[in-house]
């Protein structure tokens, strides 16, 4: 048995519409219209043709206050990106704060409207190989 890929990451959100302003409008992820009715609001968003972020509008049992200011010191998921400067412009335009990676890599961390931390790392080529 060999793990081949991460197919999706799920995050709990308090308001799908508000979260879509971040994931769809700022990050540019596309909605997967094939999401079935699961009995609660949510959205599936395509990162590429194989991977997704799932938004789950459910009660959040995790604390959202007193989280580290720098997302690298908190649980987070990382995206591969090809342009950190372009991402900074989008985040600045959306009024979304971010911090640069403390490791010296071309990377930054930010949080969605519900405090979920995301890392964005500049990579070249296909990072899944």
N, C-alpha and C. Protein backbone atom coordinates (compact mmCIF):
# COMPACT_ATOMS: atom_id res chain seq x y z
N UNK A 1 0.85 -1.18 0.00
CA UNK A 1 0.00 0.00 0.00
C UNK A 1 0.89 1.23 0.00
N UNK A 2 0.54 2.18 -0.86
CA UNK A 2 1.29 3.42 -0.96
C UNK A 2 0.30 4.58 -1.04
N UNK A 3 0.47 5.58 -0.19
CA UNK A 3 -0.36 6.79 -0.28
C UNK A 3 0.14 7.58 -1.48
N UNK A 4 -0.78 7.96 -2.36
CA UNK A 4 -0.40 8.60 -3.61
C UNK A 4 -0.63 10.11 -3.64
N UNK A 5 -1.59 10.61 -2.89
CA UNK A 5 -1.90 12.04 -2.96
C UNK A 5 -2.87 12.40 -1.86
N UNK A 6 -2.96 13.68 -1.56
CA UNK A 6 -4.04 14.21 -0.73
C UNK A 6 -5.11 14.68 -1.71
N UNK A 7 -6.32 14.16 -1.56
CA UNK A 7 -7.39 14.51 -2.49
C UNK A 7 -8.18 15.73 -2.05
N UNK A 8 -8.37 15.89 -0.75
CA UNK A 8 -9.01 17.11 -0.28
C UNK A 8 -8.64 17.37 1.17
N UNK A 9 -8.77 18.63 1.56
CA UNK A 9 -8.65 19.06 2.94
C UNK A 9 -9.97 19.70 3.30
N UNK A 10 -10.51 19.36 4.46
CA UNK A 10 -11.79 19.92 4.91
C UNK A 10 -11.54 20.92 6.03
N UNK A 11 -12.27 22.03 5.99
CA UNK A 11 -12.19 23.02 7.05
C UNK A 11 -13.61 23.38 7.49
N UNK A 12 -13.74 23.62 8.78
CA UNK A 12 -15.02 24.04 9.33
C UNK A 12 -15.12 25.55 9.21
N UNK A 13 -16.26 26.01 8.72
CA UNK A 13 -16.51 27.44 8.54
C UNK A 13 -17.85 27.79 9.18
N UNK A 14 -17.99 29.06 9.55
CA UNK A 14 -19.24 29.49 10.17
C UNK A 14 -20.24 30.03 9.16
N UNK A 15 -19.77 30.43 7.98
CA UNK A 15 -20.64 31.03 6.97
C UNK A 15 -20.03 30.75 5.60
N UNK A 16 -20.63 29.84 4.84
CA UNK A 16 -20.09 29.45 3.54
C UNK A 16 -19.98 30.65 2.61
N UNK A 17 -20.99 31.50 2.58
CA UNK A 17 -20.95 32.66 1.68
C UNK A 17 -19.75 33.55 1.98
N UNK A 18 -19.51 33.81 3.25
CA UNK A 18 -18.36 34.64 3.64
C UNK A 18 -17.06 33.93 3.28
N UNK A 19 -17.00 32.63 3.50
CA UNK A 19 -15.79 31.87 3.19
C UNK A 19 -15.50 31.84 1.69
N UNK A 20 -16.56 31.81 0.87
CA UNK A 20 -16.36 31.81 -0.58
C UNK A 20 -15.71 33.11 -1.05
N UNK A 21 -15.93 34.20 -0.34
CA UNK A 21 -15.26 35.45 -0.69
C UNK A 21 -13.75 35.29 -0.58
N UNK A 22 -13.29 34.46 0.33
CA UNK A 22 -11.85 34.20 0.48
C UNK A 22 -11.38 33.14 -0.51
N UNK A 23 -11.99 31.97 -0.47
CA UNK A 23 -11.51 30.84 -1.26
C UNK A 23 -11.76 30.99 -2.76
N UNK A 24 -12.91 31.48 -3.12
CA UNK A 24 -13.24 31.64 -4.54
C UNK A 24 -12.75 32.98 -5.07
N UNK A 25 -13.12 34.06 -4.40
CA UNK A 25 -12.87 35.39 -4.94
C UNK A 25 -11.42 35.84 -4.78
N UNK A 26 -10.77 35.51 -3.67
CA UNK A 26 -9.38 35.92 -3.47
C UNK A 26 -8.42 34.86 -4.02
N UNK A 27 -8.61 33.60 -3.61
CA UNK A 27 -7.68 32.55 -4.03
C UNK A 27 -7.96 32.01 -5.43
N UNK A 28 -9.15 32.22 -5.93
CA UNK A 28 -9.48 31.80 -7.29
C UNK A 28 -9.86 30.33 -7.44
N UNK A 29 -10.25 29.66 -6.35
CA UNK A 29 -10.67 28.26 -6.46
C UNK A 29 -12.07 28.21 -7.08
N UNK A 30 -12.33 27.17 -7.89
CA UNK A 30 -13.62 27.04 -8.55
C UNK A 30 -14.52 26.07 -7.79
N UNK A 31 -15.79 26.40 -7.77
CA UNK A 31 -16.78 25.57 -7.07
C UNK A 31 -17.05 24.30 -7.87
N UNK A 32 -17.08 23.17 -7.17
CA UNK A 32 -17.48 21.89 -7.77
C UNK A 32 -18.99 21.77 -7.58
N UNK A 33 -19.73 21.92 -8.65
CA UNK A 33 -21.19 21.89 -8.59
C UNK A 33 -21.72 20.49 -8.30
N UNK A 34 -20.86 19.47 -8.32
CA UNK A 34 -21.30 18.09 -8.10
C UNK A 34 -21.46 17.74 -6.62
N UNK A 35 -21.20 18.69 -5.71
CA UNK A 35 -21.36 18.39 -4.28
C UNK A 35 -22.81 18.01 -4.00
N UNK A 36 -23.02 16.84 -3.43
CA UNK A 36 -24.39 16.44 -3.11
C UNK A 36 -24.90 17.16 -1.86
N UNK A 37 -26.20 17.06 -1.61
CA UNK A 37 -26.78 17.59 -0.37
C UNK A 37 -26.37 16.66 0.76
N UNK A 38 -25.53 17.15 1.63
CA UNK A 38 -25.02 16.34 2.73
C UNK A 38 -25.75 16.62 4.05
N UNK A 39 -26.79 17.44 3.99
CA UNK A 39 -27.55 17.75 5.19
C UNK A 39 -27.04 18.95 5.96
N UNK A 40 -26.05 19.62 5.43
CA UNK A 40 -25.53 20.85 6.03
C UNK A 40 -24.93 21.69 4.90
N UNK A 41 -24.87 23.01 5.07
CA UNK A 41 -24.30 23.86 4.02
C UNK A 41 -22.80 23.59 3.88
N UNK A 42 -22.33 23.80 2.68
CA UNK A 42 -20.91 23.63 2.41
C UNK A 42 -20.61 23.87 0.96
N UNK A 43 -19.36 23.69 0.61
CA UNK A 43 -18.92 23.83 -0.78
C UNK A 43 -17.68 22.98 -0.98
N UNK A 44 -17.56 22.43 -2.18
CA UNK A 44 -16.33 21.76 -2.59
C UNK A 44 -15.68 22.68 -3.61
N UNK A 45 -14.39 22.92 -3.44
CA UNK A 45 -13.68 23.86 -4.30
C UNK A 45 -12.47 23.17 -4.92
N UNK A 46 -12.35 23.29 -6.22
CA UNK A 46 -11.23 22.68 -6.94
C UNK A 46 -9.97 23.53 -6.80
N UNK A 47 -8.87 22.87 -6.44
CA UNK A 47 -7.54 23.49 -6.47
C UNK A 47 -6.96 23.30 -7.87
N UNK A 48 -7.06 22.08 -8.34
CA UNK A 48 -6.67 21.70 -9.71
C UNK A 48 -7.65 20.62 -10.14
N UNK A 49 -7.32 19.80 -11.07
CA UNK A 49 -8.30 18.79 -11.52
C UNK A 49 -8.31 17.54 -10.66
N UNK A 50 -7.50 17.51 -9.60
CA UNK A 50 -7.44 16.32 -8.74
C UNK A 50 -7.66 16.61 -7.26
N UNK A 51 -7.49 17.83 -6.83
CA UNK A 51 -7.50 18.13 -5.40
C UNK A 51 -8.51 19.23 -5.08
N UNK A 52 -9.05 19.15 -3.85
CA UNK A 52 -10.08 20.09 -3.45
C UNK A 52 -9.89 20.55 -2.01
N UNK A 53 -10.57 21.65 -1.71
CA UNK A 53 -10.81 22.10 -0.33
C UNK A 53 -12.31 21.96 -0.12
N UNK A 54 -12.70 21.33 0.98
CA UNK A 54 -14.12 21.19 1.32
C UNK A 54 -14.44 22.13 2.47
N UNK A 55 -15.42 22.98 2.27
CA UNK A 55 -15.91 23.88 3.32
C UNK A 55 -17.10 23.22 3.98
N UNK A 56 -17.06 23.07 5.30
CA UNK A 56 -18.13 22.43 6.06
C UNK A 56 -18.71 23.47 7.02
N UNK A 57 -19.94 23.89 6.79
CA UNK A 57 -20.57 24.84 7.70
C UNK A 57 -21.23 24.05 8.82
N UNK A 58 -20.46 23.86 9.87
CA UNK A 58 -20.89 23.07 11.03
C UNK A 58 -20.42 23.77 12.30
N UNK A 59 -21.01 23.44 13.45
CA UNK A 59 -20.50 24.02 14.70
C UNK A 59 -19.04 23.65 14.89
N UNK A 60 -18.24 24.62 15.26
CA UNK A 60 -16.80 24.41 15.43
C UNK A 60 -16.49 24.15 16.90
N UNK A 61 -15.96 22.98 17.19
CA UNK A 61 -15.62 22.65 18.58
C UNK A 61 -14.19 23.06 18.92
N UNK A 62 -13.41 23.49 17.92
CA UNK A 62 -12.03 23.94 18.16
C UNK A 62 -12.02 25.40 18.58
N UNK A 63 -11.11 25.77 19.46
CA UNK A 63 -11.00 27.19 19.82
C UNK A 63 -10.49 27.99 18.62
N UNK A 64 -11.10 29.15 18.39
CA UNK A 64 -10.64 30.00 17.30
C UNK A 64 -9.93 31.25 17.81
N UNK A 65 -9.98 31.47 19.11
CA UNK A 65 -9.27 32.61 19.68
C UNK A 65 -7.96 32.10 20.29
N UNK A 66 -7.05 33.04 20.53
CA UNK A 66 -5.74 32.74 21.13
C UNK A 66 -4.90 31.81 20.28
N UNK A 67 -5.11 31.80 18.96
CA UNK A 67 -4.27 31.02 18.05
C UNK A 67 -3.01 31.83 17.78
N UNK A 68 -1.90 31.18 17.44
CA UNK A 68 -0.68 31.94 17.14
C UNK A 68 -0.91 32.91 15.98
N UNK A 69 -0.31 34.08 16.07
CA UNK A 69 -0.45 35.07 15.00
C UNK A 69 0.14 34.54 13.69
N UNK A 70 1.24 33.80 13.79
CA UNK A 70 1.89 33.23 12.61
C UNK A 70 1.36 31.82 12.39
N UNK A 71 0.71 31.60 11.25
CA UNK A 71 0.09 30.32 10.96
C UNK A 71 1.06 29.15 10.91
N UNK A 72 2.35 29.42 10.74
CA UNK A 72 3.34 28.35 10.73
C UNK A 72 3.53 27.70 12.08
N UNK A 73 3.01 28.34 13.11
CA UNK A 73 3.09 27.78 14.47
C UNK A 73 1.75 27.22 14.91
N UNK A 74 0.92 26.91 13.95
CA UNK A 74 -0.41 26.38 14.19
C UNK A 74 -0.65 25.27 13.18
N UNK A 75 -1.65 24.44 13.40
CA UNK A 75 -1.95 23.45 12.36
C UNK A 75 -2.36 24.20 11.10
N UNK A 76 -1.89 23.70 9.97
CA UNK A 76 -2.15 24.37 8.71
C UNK A 76 -1.99 23.39 7.56
N UNK A 77 -2.47 23.80 6.41
CA UNK A 77 -2.32 23.03 5.18
C UNK A 77 -1.58 23.93 4.20
N UNK A 78 -0.72 23.32 3.37
CA UNK A 78 0.10 24.10 2.45
C UNK A 78 -0.35 23.91 1.01
N UNK A 79 -0.39 25.02 0.28
CA UNK A 79 -0.64 25.04 -1.16
C UNK A 79 0.68 25.33 -1.87
N UNK A 80 0.89 24.72 -3.02
CA UNK A 80 1.99 25.09 -3.91
C UNK A 80 1.48 26.20 -4.81
N UNK A 81 2.25 27.27 -4.95
CA UNK A 81 1.89 28.38 -5.84
C UNK A 81 3.09 28.73 -6.71
N UNK A 82 2.82 29.46 -7.79
CA UNK A 82 3.91 29.84 -8.67
C UNK A 82 4.28 31.31 -8.56
N UNK A 83 3.53 32.10 -7.78
CA UNK A 83 3.76 33.54 -7.75
C UNK A 83 3.35 34.10 -6.38
N UNK A 84 4.30 34.30 -5.52
CA UNK A 84 4.00 34.80 -4.17
C UNK A 84 3.65 36.29 -4.23
N UNK A 85 4.27 37.06 -5.13
CA UNK A 85 3.98 38.49 -5.22
C UNK A 85 2.54 38.72 -5.67
N UNK A 86 2.07 37.94 -6.62
CA UNK A 86 0.68 38.05 -7.07
C UNK A 86 -0.29 37.70 -5.96
N UNK A 87 0.05 36.68 -5.18
CA UNK A 87 -0.79 36.31 -4.05
C UNK A 87 -0.82 37.43 -3.02
N UNK A 88 0.32 38.03 -2.74
CA UNK A 88 0.37 39.15 -1.80
C UNK A 88 -0.56 40.28 -2.26
N UNK A 89 -0.56 40.57 -3.55
CA UNK A 89 -1.44 41.62 -4.08
C UNK A 89 -2.91 41.27 -3.85
N UNK A 90 -3.27 40.01 -4.11
CA UNK A 90 -4.66 39.59 -3.90
C UNK A 90 -5.04 39.68 -2.42
N UNK A 91 -4.16 39.23 -1.54
CA UNK A 91 -4.44 39.30 -0.10
C UNK A 91 -4.53 40.74 0.36
N UNK A 92 -3.60 41.59 -0.10
CA UNK A 92 -3.65 43.01 0.26
C UNK A 92 -4.96 43.64 -0.21
N UNK A 93 -5.37 43.34 -1.44
CA UNK A 93 -6.61 43.89 -1.99
C UNK A 93 -7.82 43.44 -1.19
N UNK A 94 -7.77 42.22 -0.67
CA UNK A 94 -8.87 41.69 0.13
C UNK A 94 -8.78 42.06 1.60
N UNK A 95 -7.74 42.81 1.99
CA UNK A 95 -7.57 43.19 3.39
C UNK A 95 -7.26 42.01 4.29
N UNK A 96 -6.59 40.99 3.74
CA UNK A 96 -6.30 39.77 4.50
C UNK A 96 -4.85 39.82 4.97
N UNK A 97 -4.64 39.83 6.29
CA UNK A 97 -3.27 39.87 6.79
C UNK A 97 -2.54 38.55 6.55
N UNK A 98 -1.23 38.64 6.41
CA UNK A 98 -0.40 37.46 6.22
C UNK A 98 0.97 37.71 6.82
N UNK A 99 1.70 36.63 7.03
CA UNK A 99 3.08 36.72 7.50
C UNK A 99 3.94 35.89 6.56
N UNK A 100 5.17 36.33 6.39
CA UNK A 100 6.10 35.59 5.55
C UNK A 100 6.66 34.43 6.34
N UNK A 101 7.09 33.40 5.63
CA UNK A 101 7.66 32.23 6.26
C UNK A 101 8.90 32.61 7.06
N UNK A 102 9.05 32.04 8.22
CA UNK A 102 10.20 32.30 9.07
C UNK A 102 11.40 31.43 8.67
N UNK A 103 11.19 30.49 7.73
CA UNK A 103 12.24 29.56 7.32
C UNK A 103 13.15 30.14 6.24
N UNK A 104 12.76 31.28 5.66
CA UNK A 104 13.53 31.84 4.57
C UNK A 104 13.05 31.38 3.20
N UNK A 105 12.11 30.42 3.16
CA UNK A 105 11.55 29.98 1.89
C UNK A 105 10.65 31.07 1.32
N UNK A 106 10.39 30.99 0.02
CA UNK A 106 9.41 31.89 -0.61
C UNK A 106 8.05 31.34 -0.25
N UNK A 107 7.54 31.77 0.88
CA UNK A 107 6.26 31.25 1.38
C UNK A 107 5.63 32.29 2.30
N UNK A 108 4.30 32.18 2.43
CA UNK A 108 3.59 33.03 3.38
C UNK A 108 2.46 32.24 4.01
N UNK A 109 1.98 32.77 5.12
CA UNK A 109 0.87 32.18 5.86
C UNK A 109 -0.23 33.22 5.99
N UNK A 110 -1.47 32.75 5.90
CA UNK A 110 -2.62 33.61 6.20
C UNK A 110 -3.72 32.73 6.77
N UNK A 111 -4.79 33.38 7.20
CA UNK A 111 -5.93 32.66 7.76
C UNK A 111 -7.19 33.03 6.98
N UNK A 112 -8.10 32.07 6.91
CA UNK A 112 -9.40 32.35 6.29
C UNK A 112 -10.26 33.10 7.31
N UNK A 113 -11.47 33.49 6.96
CA UNK A 113 -12.30 34.26 7.89
C UNK A 113 -12.61 33.54 9.21
N UNK A 114 -12.44 32.21 9.25
CA UNK A 114 -12.70 31.45 10.48
C UNK A 114 -11.43 31.06 11.23
N UNK A 115 -10.30 31.60 10.82
CA UNK A 115 -9.05 31.34 11.53
C UNK A 115 -8.29 30.10 11.08
N UNK A 116 -8.76 29.41 10.04
CA UNK A 116 -8.02 28.26 9.52
C UNK A 116 -6.75 28.77 8.85
N UNK A 117 -5.60 28.20 9.21
CA UNK A 117 -4.32 28.66 8.69
C UNK A 117 -3.95 27.92 7.40
N UNK A 118 -3.40 28.69 6.45
CA UNK A 118 -2.96 28.17 5.16
C UNK A 118 -1.56 28.68 4.88
N UNK A 119 -0.74 27.81 4.32
CA UNK A 119 0.60 28.19 3.87
C UNK A 119 0.61 28.14 2.35
N UNK A 120 1.32 29.06 1.73
CA UNK A 120 1.46 29.12 0.29
C UNK A 120 2.96 29.14 0.00
N UNK A 121 3.45 28.12 -0.72
CA UNK A 121 4.88 27.95 -0.97
C UNK A 121 5.13 28.00 -2.47
N UNK A 122 6.10 28.80 -2.88
CA UNK A 122 6.48 28.84 -4.29
C UNK A 122 7.22 27.55 -4.63
N UNK A 123 6.74 26.87 -5.66
CA UNK A 123 7.39 25.65 -6.15
C UNK A 123 7.56 25.77 -7.65
N UNK A 124 8.46 24.99 -8.17
CA UNK A 124 8.59 24.89 -9.63
C UNK A 124 8.29 23.45 -10.00
N UNK A 125 7.63 23.26 -11.12
CA UNK A 125 7.28 21.92 -11.55
C UNK A 125 6.11 21.38 -10.75
N UNK A 126 5.90 20.08 -10.81
CA UNK A 126 4.78 19.42 -10.13
C UNK A 126 5.22 19.01 -8.73
N UNK A 127 4.68 19.66 -7.68
CA UNK A 127 5.11 19.34 -6.32
C UNK A 127 4.62 17.98 -5.82
N UNK A 128 3.77 17.30 -6.58
CA UNK A 128 3.26 16.00 -6.12
C UNK A 128 4.15 14.85 -6.54
N UNK A 129 5.24 15.12 -7.26
CA UNK A 129 6.14 14.03 -7.69
C UNK A 129 7.46 14.10 -6.98
